[in-house]
Amino acid sequence: MRERRPGADEIANLKGRIAEAFVETIFRRAGYTVSRIGRESQVQRLVKLGADEFLPDFLLRKLVPGTDAGRPLHRLIPIEVKYRANVEAFLAEYGDELLPRIGDQWPELCLVLVTDHPAPRRSCFQVIDLSVVPAEAPLASADLHQIRDLDVYETTVREYEGLVRGIFPLLRLGASAP
């Protein structure tokens, strides 16, 4: 009996799962508490708002300076992670519908796009921060380490880019092996 090789959709799905793990670890290293709230979470319906079926993968939590009364405050940021082979093509095709579809329900969402084929001088980890996107502007991504508000070090991002560039090509080889 011949062993079945994974198809392109299965490889993309696997890259997406690996991308989620990398992004989770990057944010943990940046000092965030990361809670899975996506489809695999036990608490996914506790944070669901509205009728749409969209639900972020993670909820980031980080302590911020407290109130005058001394109570601690935490910043909460919903994170969605997607693997996309070509970020620019994805934004050109789906960018116009992303903001209206997701922005009303999750206005603070950060969409992290992970790619193993970034444009020249771009990172494998790119972010669309819906909280700062002007309504009339087309969606565009920024490299994760360039979003100062998220406080992620460039050295951390570069370390994980090395993993993306090392692991993702191996997955393609496994799919094409005879």
N, C-alpha and C. Protein backbone atom coordinates (compact mmCIF):
# COMPACT_ATOMS: atom_id res chain seq x y z
N MET A 1 0.84 -1.18 0.00
CA MET A 1 0.00 0.00 0.00
C MET A 1 0.89 1.25 0.00
N ARG A 2 0.59 2.17 -0.89
CA ARG A 2 1.39 3.38 -1.03
C ARG A 2 0.96 4.42 0.01
N GLU A 3 1.96 5.07 0.61
CA GLU A 3 1.70 6.11 1.61
C GLU A 3 1.14 7.36 0.94
N ARG A 4 0.08 7.91 1.50
CA ARG A 4 -0.55 9.11 0.95
C ARG A 4 0.24 10.34 1.39
N ARG A 5 0.55 11.21 0.45
CA ARG A 5 1.26 12.46 0.72
C ARG A 5 0.24 13.57 0.97
N PRO A 6 0.57 14.48 1.89
CA PRO A 6 -0.36 15.58 2.15
C PRO A 6 -0.47 16.50 0.94
N GLY A 7 -1.68 17.03 0.73
CA GLY A 7 -1.92 17.95 -0.37
C GLY A 7 -1.60 19.39 0.02
N ALA A 8 -1.75 20.28 -0.94
CA ALA A 8 -1.43 21.70 -0.72
C ALA A 8 -2.28 22.31 0.38
N ASP A 9 -3.57 21.97 0.44
CA ASP A 9 -4.43 22.52 1.49
C ASP A 9 -4.00 22.04 2.87
N GLU A 10 -3.61 20.78 2.96
CA GLU A 10 -3.14 20.25 4.24
C GLU A 10 -1.83 20.90 4.67
N ILE A 11 -0.96 21.15 3.72
CA ILE A 11 0.31 21.81 4.03
C ILE A 11 0.05 23.25 4.50
N ALA A 12 -0.84 23.97 3.82
CA ALA A 12 -1.17 25.34 4.22
C ALA A 12 -1.81 25.34 5.61
N ASN A 13 -2.66 24.37 5.90
CA ASN A 13 -3.28 24.26 7.22
C ASN A 13 -2.21 24.01 8.29
N LEU A 14 -1.27 23.14 8.00
CA LEU A 14 -0.18 22.85 8.94
C LEU A 14 0.69 24.09 9.16
N LYS A 15 0.98 24.82 8.08
CA LYS A 15 1.74 26.06 8.22
C LYS A 15 0.98 27.06 9.08
N GLY A 16 -0.33 27.10 8.94
CA GLY A 16 -1.15 27.99 9.76
C GLY A 16 -1.07 27.64 11.24
N ARG A 17 -1.09 26.35 11.54
CA ARG A 17 -1.00 25.92 12.94
C ARG A 17 0.38 26.24 13.53
N ILE A 18 1.41 26.02 12.73
CA ILE A 18 2.76 26.35 13.18
C ILE A 18 2.89 27.86 13.36
N ALA A 19 2.31 28.63 12.44
CA ALA A 19 2.34 30.09 12.54
C ALA A 19 1.69 30.55 13.84
N GLU A 20 0.57 29.96 14.22
CA GLU A 20 -0.10 30.30 15.48
C GLU A 20 0.83 30.05 16.66
N ALA A 21 1.51 28.92 16.66
CA ALA A 21 2.42 28.59 17.76
C ALA A 21 3.57 29.59 17.83
N PHE A 22 4.12 29.97 16.68
CA PHE A 22 5.21 30.95 16.67
C PHE A 22 4.73 32.30 17.19
N VAL A 23 3.57 32.77 16.72
CA VAL A 23 3.05 34.07 17.15
C VAL A 23 2.75 34.05 18.65
N GLU A 24 2.17 32.97 19.13
CA GLU A 24 1.90 32.85 20.57
C GLU A 24 3.19 33.00 21.37
N THR A 25 4.23 32.32 20.94
CA THR A 25 5.51 32.36 21.65
C THR A 25 6.16 33.74 21.57
N ILE A 26 6.06 34.40 20.42
CA ILE A 26 6.61 35.76 20.28
C ILE A 26 5.95 36.69 21.29
N PHE A 27 4.63 36.61 21.41
CA PHE A 27 3.95 37.51 22.35
C PHE A 27 4.22 37.14 23.81
N ARG A 28 4.37 35.87 24.11
CA ARG A 28 4.75 35.48 25.47
C ARG A 28 6.12 36.07 25.82
N ARG A 29 7.04 36.01 24.89
CA ARG A 29 8.37 36.57 25.12
C ARG A 29 8.33 38.08 25.30
N ALA A 30 7.31 38.73 24.72
CA ALA A 30 7.15 40.18 24.86
C ALA A 30 6.44 40.55 26.16
N GLY A 31 6.15 39.56 27.01
CA GLY A 31 5.57 39.84 28.32
C GLY A 31 4.06 39.76 28.40
N TYR A 32 3.43 39.27 27.35
CA TYR A 32 1.97 39.14 27.37
C TYR A 32 1.55 37.80 27.97
N THR A 33 0.39 37.79 28.60
CA THR A 33 -0.29 36.55 28.93
C THR A 33 -1.14 36.24 27.71
N VAL A 34 -1.01 35.05 27.17
CA VAL A 34 -1.70 34.69 25.94
C VAL A 34 -2.73 33.61 26.25
N SER A 35 -3.98 33.90 25.94
CA SER A 35 -5.06 32.93 26.15
C SER A 35 -5.65 32.56 24.81
N ARG A 36 -5.75 31.26 24.56
CA ARG A 36 -6.35 30.80 23.31
C ARG A 36 -7.86 30.98 23.43
N ILE A 37 -8.46 31.69 22.47
CA ILE A 37 -9.91 31.87 22.50
C ILE A 37 -10.56 31.42 21.20
N GLY A 38 -9.78 30.91 20.28
CA GLY A 38 -10.31 30.50 18.98
C GLY A 38 -11.11 29.23 19.05
N ARG A 39 -11.21 28.61 17.92
CA ARG A 39 -12.06 27.43 17.78
C ARG A 39 -11.66 26.27 18.68
N GLU A 40 -10.41 26.22 19.10
CA GLU A 40 -9.95 25.12 19.94
C GLU A 40 -10.07 25.41 21.43
N SER A 41 -10.56 26.57 21.78
CA SER A 41 -10.62 26.99 23.17
C SER A 41 -11.83 26.43 23.89
N GLN A 42 -11.69 26.26 25.18
CA GLN A 42 -12.82 25.86 26.02
C GLN A 42 -13.73 27.04 26.32
N VAL A 43 -13.23 28.26 26.14
CA VAL A 43 -14.00 29.44 26.52
C VAL A 43 -14.42 30.29 25.32
N GLN A 44 -14.45 29.70 24.13
CA GLN A 44 -14.68 30.51 22.94
C GLN A 44 -15.99 31.27 22.96
N ARG A 45 -17.04 30.76 23.50
CA ARG A 45 -18.31 31.47 23.48
C ARG A 45 -18.43 32.50 24.61
N LEU A 46 -17.51 32.50 25.55
CA LEU A 46 -17.54 33.51 26.60
C LEU A 46 -17.17 34.89 26.08
N VAL A 47 -16.36 34.94 25.03
CA VAL A 47 -15.92 36.22 24.50
C VAL A 47 -16.60 36.56 23.18
N LYS A 48 -17.47 35.70 22.68
CA LYS A 48 -18.13 35.94 21.39
C LYS A 48 -19.11 37.09 21.52
N LEU A 49 -19.01 38.02 20.59
CA LEU A 49 -19.91 39.16 20.54
C LEU A 49 -20.59 39.15 19.17
N GLY A 50 -21.89 39.39 19.13
CA GLY A 50 -22.59 39.52 17.86
C GLY A 50 -22.86 38.19 17.20
N ALA A 51 -23.43 38.29 15.98
CA ALA A 51 -23.88 37.09 15.28
C ALA A 51 -22.83 36.52 14.34
N ASP A 52 -21.78 37.27 14.03
CA ASP A 52 -20.78 36.80 13.09
C ASP A 52 -20.04 35.60 13.67
N GLU A 53 -19.56 34.74 12.80
CA GLU A 53 -18.86 33.54 13.25
C GLU A 53 -17.36 33.76 13.42
N PHE A 54 -16.87 34.94 13.13
CA PHE A 54 -15.45 35.21 13.27
C PHE A 54 -15.05 35.25 14.73
N LEU A 55 -13.96 34.62 15.07
CA LEU A 55 -13.46 34.62 16.44
C LEU A 55 -11.93 34.60 16.40
N PRO A 56 -11.26 35.55 17.05
CA PRO A 56 -9.79 35.56 17.06
C PRO A 56 -9.22 34.29 17.69
N ASP A 57 -7.95 34.05 17.40
CA ASP A 57 -7.25 32.88 17.95
C ASP A 57 -6.82 33.09 19.39
N PHE A 58 -6.35 34.30 19.71
CA PHE A 58 -5.78 34.58 21.02
C PHE A 58 -6.33 35.88 21.59
N LEU A 59 -6.26 35.99 22.88
CA LEU A 59 -6.49 37.24 23.56
C LEU A 59 -5.22 37.53 24.36
N LEU A 60 -4.55 38.63 24.02
CA LEU A 60 -3.34 39.03 24.73
C LEU A 60 -3.74 39.90 25.91
N ARG A 61 -3.02 39.73 27.00
CA ARG A 61 -3.26 40.56 28.18
C ARG A 61 -1.91 40.98 28.72
N LYS A 62 -1.79 42.30 29.01
CA LYS A 62 -0.53 42.82 29.55
C LYS A 62 -0.86 43.91 30.56
N LEU A 63 -0.16 43.87 31.68
CA LEU A 63 -0.33 44.86 32.73
C LEU A 63 0.13 46.22 32.23
N VAL A 64 -0.68 47.24 32.50
CA VAL A 64 -0.33 48.63 32.18
C VAL A 64 -0.38 49.42 33.48
N PRO A 65 0.17 50.62 33.50
CA PRO A 65 0.15 51.40 34.75
C PRO A 65 -1.27 51.49 35.33
N GLY A 66 -1.36 51.34 36.65
CA GLY A 66 -2.65 51.29 37.34
C GLY A 66 -3.36 52.62 37.44
N THR A 67 -4.51 52.59 38.04
CA THR A 67 -5.32 53.78 38.25
C THR A 67 -4.78 54.56 39.45
N ASP A 68 -5.34 55.75 39.66
CA ASP A 68 -4.96 56.54 40.82
C ASP A 68 -5.29 55.81 42.12
N ALA A 69 -6.29 54.94 42.07
CA ALA A 69 -6.68 54.18 43.26
C ALA A 69 -5.74 53.00 43.50
N GLY A 70 -4.80 52.78 42.59
CA GLY A 70 -3.84 51.70 42.77
C GLY A 70 -4.28 50.37 42.19
N ARG A 71 -5.41 50.33 41.52
CA ARG A 71 -5.86 49.07 40.92
C ARG A 71 -5.08 48.78 39.65
N PRO A 72 -4.72 47.53 39.45
CA PRO A 72 -3.99 47.20 38.22
C PRO A 72 -4.94 47.25 37.02
N LEU A 73 -4.40 47.65 35.90
CA LEU A 73 -5.13 47.66 34.64
C LEU A 73 -4.42 46.71 33.68
N HIS A 74 -5.21 46.09 32.82
CA HIS A 74 -4.65 45.20 31.81
C HIS A 74 -5.16 45.62 30.44
N ARG A 75 -4.26 45.62 29.50
CA ARG A 75 -4.64 45.86 28.11
C ARG A 75 -4.99 44.52 27.50
N LEU A 76 -6.10 44.47 26.79
CA LEU A 76 -6.54 43.25 26.12
C LEU A 76 -6.52 43.48 24.61
N ILE A 77 -5.89 42.57 23.89
CA ILE A 77 -5.79 42.69 22.44
C ILE A 77 -6.17 41.36 21.81
N PRO A 78 -7.25 41.33 21.02
CA PRO A 78 -7.57 40.10 20.28
C PRO A 78 -6.62 39.95 19.09
N ILE A 79 -6.16 38.72 18.87
CA ILE A 79 -5.19 38.42 17.82
C ILE A 79 -5.74 37.30 16.94
N GLU A 80 -5.72 37.52 15.65
CA GLU A 80 -6.02 36.48 14.68
C GLU A 80 -4.74 36.21 13.92
N VAL A 81 -4.39 34.94 13.71
CA VAL A 81 -3.18 34.57 13.00
C VAL A 81 -3.58 33.81 11.74
N LYS A 82 -3.02 34.21 10.61
CA LYS A 82 -3.28 33.54 9.34
C LYS A 82 -1.96 33.32 8.62
N TYR A 83 -1.79 32.12 8.08
CA TYR A 83 -0.68 31.88 7.17
C TYR A 83 -1.15 32.27 5.77
N ARG A 84 -0.35 33.03 5.07
CA ARG A 84 -0.62 33.37 3.68
C ARG A 84 0.71 33.33 2.93
N ALA A 85 0.76 32.59 1.85
CA ALA A 85 1.99 32.49 1.06
C ALA A 85 2.37 33.85 0.49
N ASN A 86 1.36 34.65 0.09
CA ASN A 86 1.62 35.95 -0.51
C ASN A 86 0.73 36.98 0.16
N VAL A 87 1.28 37.77 1.07
CA VAL A 87 0.51 38.74 1.83
C VAL A 87 -0.08 39.81 0.92
N GLU A 88 0.71 40.31 -0.04
CA GLU A 88 0.23 41.37 -0.92
C GLU A 88 -0.96 40.91 -1.75
N ALA A 89 -0.89 39.69 -2.29
CA ALA A 89 -2.01 39.16 -3.08
C ALA A 89 -3.24 38.95 -2.20
N PHE A 90 -3.05 38.49 -0.99
CA PHE A 90 -4.17 38.31 -0.06
C PHE A 90 -4.86 39.65 0.22
N LEU A 91 -4.08 40.68 0.51
CA LEU A 91 -4.66 42.00 0.80
C LEU A 91 -5.34 42.58 -0.43
N ALA A 92 -4.77 42.38 -1.61
CA ALA A 92 -5.39 42.90 -2.84
C ALA A 92 -6.73 42.22 -3.09
N GLU A 93 -6.81 40.92 -2.81
CA GLU A 93 -8.05 40.18 -3.08
C GLU A 93 -9.10 40.34 -1.99
N TYR A 94 -8.69 40.33 -0.73
CA TYR A 94 -9.66 40.31 0.38
C TYR A 94 -9.64 41.54 1.28
N GLY A 95 -8.70 42.44 1.08
CA GLY A 95 -8.55 43.59 1.98
C GLY A 95 -9.79 44.44 2.12
N ASP A 96 -10.49 44.69 1.02
CA ASP A 96 -11.67 45.55 1.07
C ASP A 96 -12.79 44.97 1.92
N GLU A 97 -12.89 43.66 2.00
CA GLU A 97 -13.98 43.06 2.77
C GLU A 97 -13.61 42.74 4.21
N LEU A 98 -12.32 42.75 4.53
CA LEU A 98 -11.90 42.41 5.90
C LEU A 98 -12.36 43.43 6.93
N LEU A 99 -12.11 44.70 6.67
CA LEU A 99 -12.42 45.72 7.66
C LEU A 99 -13.91 45.78 8.00
N PRO A 100 -14.81 45.84 7.03
CA PRO A 100 -16.23 45.88 7.41
C PRO A 100 -16.69 44.58 8.08
N ARG A 101 -16.14 43.46 7.66
CA ARG A 101 -16.57 42.17 8.19
C ARG A 101 -16.11 41.94 9.63
N ILE A 102 -14.92 42.40 9.94
CA ILE A 102 -14.33 42.11 11.24
C ILE A 102 -14.29 43.34 12.15
N GLY A 103 -14.04 44.51 11.58
CA GLY A 103 -13.79 45.72 12.35
C GLY A 103 -14.89 46.13 13.29
N ASP A 104 -16.14 45.97 12.89
CA ASP A 104 -17.25 46.35 13.77
C ASP A 104 -17.31 45.47 15.01
N GLN A 105 -17.06 44.19 14.82
CA GLN A 105 -17.15 43.25 15.93
C GLN A 105 -15.90 43.25 16.80
N TRP A 106 -14.74 43.41 16.19
CA TRP A 106 -13.47 43.36 16.91
C TRP A 106 -12.63 44.58 16.54
N PRO A 107 -12.98 45.78 16.98
CA PRO A 107 -12.27 46.99 16.55
C PRO A 107 -10.82 47.07 17.02
N GLU A 108 -10.43 46.32 18.02
CA GLU A 108 -9.05 46.33 18.52
C GLU A 108 -8.23 45.17 17.97
N LEU A 109 -8.78 44.42 17.02
CA LEU A 109 -8.12 43.23 16.50
C LEU A 109 -6.81 43.55 15.80
N CYS A 110 -5.82 42.70 16.05
CA CYS A 110 -4.59 42.71 15.28
C CYS A 110 -4.56 41.40 14.49
N LEU A 111 -4.53 41.52 13.19
CA LEU A 111 -4.43 40.37 12.31
C LEU A 111 -2.96 40.17 11.99
N VAL A 112 -2.40 39.04 12.42
CA VAL A 112 -0.99 38.74 12.17
C VAL A 112 -0.94 37.77 11.00
N LEU A 113 -0.31 38.22 9.92
CA LEU A 113 -0.14 37.41 8.72
C LEU A 113 1.28 36.86 8.72
N VAL A 114 1.38 35.55 8.64
CA VAL A 114 2.69 34.88 8.63
C VAL A 114 2.91 34.32 7.24
N THR A 115 4.06 34.61 6.67
CA THR A 115 4.37 34.15 5.32
C THR A 115 5.80 33.63 5.24
N ASP A 116 6.00 32.66 4.38
CA ASP A 116 7.36 32.20 4.12
C ASP A 116 7.89 32.81 2.82
N HIS A 117 7.10 33.72 2.22
CA HIS A 117 7.51 34.41 0.99
C HIS A 117 7.25 35.91 1.13
N PRO A 118 7.90 36.57 2.09
CA PRO A 118 7.65 38.02 2.24
C PRO A 118 8.24 38.79 1.05
N ALA A 119 7.66 39.94 0.79
CA ALA A 119 8.22 40.84 -0.22
C ALA A 119 9.62 41.24 0.23
N PRO A 120 10.46 41.70 -0.70
CA PRO A 120 11.81 42.12 -0.31
C PRO A 120 11.79 43.15 0.82
N ARG A 121 12.67 42.96 1.76
CA ARG A 121 12.84 43.83 2.94
C ARG A 121 11.61 43.85 3.85
N ARG A 122 10.79 42.81 3.77
CA ARG A 122 9.62 42.70 4.64
C ARG A 122 9.81 41.48 5.54
N SER A 123 9.11 41.48 6.65
CA SER A 123 9.20 40.40 7.64
C SER A 123 8.26 39.25 7.28
N CYS A 124 8.56 38.09 7.80
CA CYS A 124 7.66 36.94 7.70
C CYS A 124 6.44 37.14 8.59
N PHE A 125 6.52 38.07 9.55
CA PHE A 125 5.43 38.34 10.49
C PHE A 125 4.95 39.77 10.26
N GLN A 126 3.77 39.90 9.66
CA GLN A 126 3.21 41.21 9.35
C GLN A 126 1.87 41.38 10.06
N VAL A 127 1.54 42.62 10.39
CA VAL A 127 0.36 42.90 11.20
C VAL A 127 -0.52 43.93 10.51
N ILE A 128 -1.82 43.70 10.62
CA ILE A 128 -2.81 44.72 10.30
C ILE A 128 -3.51 45.02 11.62
N ASP A 129 -3.30 46.23 12.12
CA ASP A 129 -3.92 46.65 13.38
C ASP A 129 -5.18 47.42 13.03
N LEU A 130 -6.34 46.77 13.17
CA LEU A 130 -7.60 47.38 12.76
C LEU A 130 -7.94 48.62 13.56
N SER A 131 -7.38 48.75 14.76
CA SER A 131 -7.70 49.92 15.59
C SER A 131 -7.10 51.21 15.04
N VAL A 132 -6.14 51.13 14.14
CA VAL A 132 -5.51 52.34 13.61
C VAL A 132 -5.68 52.50 12.10
N VAL A 133 -6.48 51.65 11.47
CA VAL A 133 -6.69 51.73 10.03
C VAL A 133 -7.73 52.81 9.72
N PRO A 134 -7.36 53.84 8.96
CA PRO A 134 -8.35 54.84 8.56
C PRO A 134 -9.42 54.19 7.66
N ALA A 135 -10.66 54.60 7.84
CA ALA A 135 -11.77 53.98 7.11
C ALA A 135 -11.60 54.05 5.60
N GLU A 136 -11.04 55.14 5.08
CA GLU A 136 -10.93 55.32 3.63
C GLU A 136 -9.67 54.69 3.04
N ALA A 137 -8.75 54.26 3.87
CA ALA A 137 -7.47 53.74 3.38
C ALA A 137 -7.56 52.24 3.09
N PRO A 138 -6.86 51.79 2.06
CA PRO A 138 -6.80 50.34 1.82
C PRO A 138 -5.99 49.68 2.93
N LEU A 139 -6.32 48.44 3.23
CA LEU A 139 -5.57 47.74 4.28
C LEU A 139 -4.14 47.50 3.82
N ALA A 140 -3.23 47.73 4.71
CA ALA A 140 -1.82 47.47 4.47
C ALA A 140 -1.23 46.88 5.74
N SER A 141 -0.22 46.08 5.57
CA SER A 141 0.42 45.47 6.74
C SER A 141 1.69 46.20 7.09
N ALA A 142 2.11 46.03 8.33
CA ALA A 142 3.40 46.53 8.82
C ALA A 142 4.11 45.35 9.47
N ASP A 143 5.42 45.39 9.45
CA ASP A 143 6.17 44.32 10.09
C ASP A 143 5.90 44.34 11.59
N LEU A 144 5.77 43.17 12.20
CA LEU A 144 5.38 43.04 13.60
C LEU A 144 6.24 43.89 14.52
N HIS A 145 7.53 43.86 14.34
CA HIS A 145 8.42 44.61 15.24
C HIS A 145 8.32 46.12 15.04
N GLN A 146 7.68 46.57 13.97
CA GLN A 146 7.53 48.01 13.73
C GLN A 146 6.30 48.60 14.42
N ILE A 147 5.43 47.77 14.96
CA ILE A 147 4.25 48.24 15.68
C ILE A 147 4.69 48.51 17.12
N ARG A 148 5.10 49.74 17.38
CA ARG A 148 5.66 50.10 18.69
C ARG A 148 4.71 49.79 19.83
N ASP A 149 3.43 49.95 19.59
CA ASP A 149 2.42 49.74 20.62
C ASP A 149 2.42 48.29 21.13
N LEU A 150 2.86 47.34 20.30
CA LEU A 150 2.88 45.93 20.71
C LEU A 150 4.15 45.57 21.47
N ASP A 151 5.20 46.37 21.34
CA ASP A 151 6.43 46.20 22.12
C ASP A 151 7.08 44.82 21.91
N VAL A 152 7.22 44.44 20.64
CA VAL A 152 7.88 43.18 20.29
C VAL A 152 9.24 43.54 19.70
N TYR A 153 10.29 42.92 20.21
CA TYR A 153 11.64 43.22 19.76
C TYR A 153 11.92 42.64 18.37
N GLU A 154 12.67 43.41 17.58
CA GLU A 154 13.05 42.95 16.24
C GLU A 154 13.89 41.68 16.32
N THR A 155 14.75 41.57 17.33
CA THR A 155 15.59 40.37 17.45
C THR A 155 14.74 39.12 17.66
N THR A 156 13.64 39.25 18.40
CA THR A 156 12.74 38.10 18.59
C THR A 156 12.08 37.72 17.28
N VAL A 157 11.60 38.73 16.56
CA VAL A 157 10.95 38.47 15.26
C VAL A 157 11.94 37.81 14.31
N ARG A 158 13.16 38.32 14.25
CA ARG A 158 14.17 37.74 13.34
C ARG A 158 14.47 36.28 13.70
N GLU A 159 14.50 35.98 14.99
CA GLU A 159 14.74 34.60 15.42
C GLU A 159 13.65 33.67 14.89
N TYR A 160 12.41 34.10 14.99
CA TYR A 160 11.30 33.26 14.52
C TYR A 160 11.18 33.25 13.00
N GLU A 161 11.65 34.31 12.34
CA GLU A 161 11.72 34.28 10.89
C GLU A 161 12.66 33.17 10.43
N GLY A 162 13.76 33.01 11.17
CA GLY A 162 14.69 31.93 10.85
C GLY A 162 14.02 30.57 10.93
N LEU A 163 13.14 30.40 11.91
CA LEU A 163 12.40 29.13 12.03
C LEU A 163 11.43 28.96 10.87
N VAL A 164 10.72 30.03 10.51
CA VAL A 164 9.79 29.95 9.38
C VAL A 164 10.54 29.56 8.11
N ARG A 165 11.66 30.24 7.87
CA ARG A 165 12.43 29.98 6.65
C ARG A 165 13.09 28.60 6.66
N GLY A 166 13.31 28.04 7.84
CA GLY A 166 13.90 26.71 7.93
C GLY A 166 12.89 25.58 7.90
N ILE A 167 11.74 25.78 8.53
CA ILE A 167 10.76 24.70 8.67
C ILE A 167 9.77 24.63 7.50
N PHE A 168 9.26 25.77 7.06
CA PHE A 168 8.20 25.75 6.05
C PHE A 168 8.64 25.12 4.72
N PRO A 169 9.87 25.35 4.24
CA PRO A 169 10.29 24.67 3.01
C PRO A 169 10.32 23.15 3.15
N LEU A 170 10.62 22.67 4.35
CA LEU A 170 10.64 21.23 4.58
C LEU A 170 9.25 20.62 4.42
N LEU A 171 8.23 21.37 4.78
CA LEU A 171 6.86 20.89 4.63
C LEU A 171 6.50 20.73 3.16
N ARG A 172 6.96 21.66 2.32
CA ARG A 172 6.71 21.55 0.88
C ARG A 172 7.42 20.31 0.32
N LEU A 173 8.64 20.06 0.79
CA LEU A 173 9.38 18.89 0.31
C LEU A 173 8.65 17.60 0.65
N GLY A 174 8.07 17.55 1.85
CA GLY A 174 7.33 16.35 2.26
C GLY A 174 6.11 16.12 1.41
N ALA A 175 5.51 17.18 0.91
CA ALA A 175 4.31 17.05 0.08
C ALA A 175 4.66 16.58 -1.33
N SER A 176 5.86 16.91 -1.81
CA SER A 176 6.20 16.58 -3.19
C SER A 176 7.05 15.32 -3.31
N ALA A 177 7.42 14.71 -2.18
CA ALA A 177 8.25 13.50 -2.24
C ALA A 177 7.47 12.36 -2.90
N PRO A 178 8.16 11.49 -3.69
CA PRO A 178 7.47 10.39 -4.38
C PRO A 178 6.98 9.31 -3.43
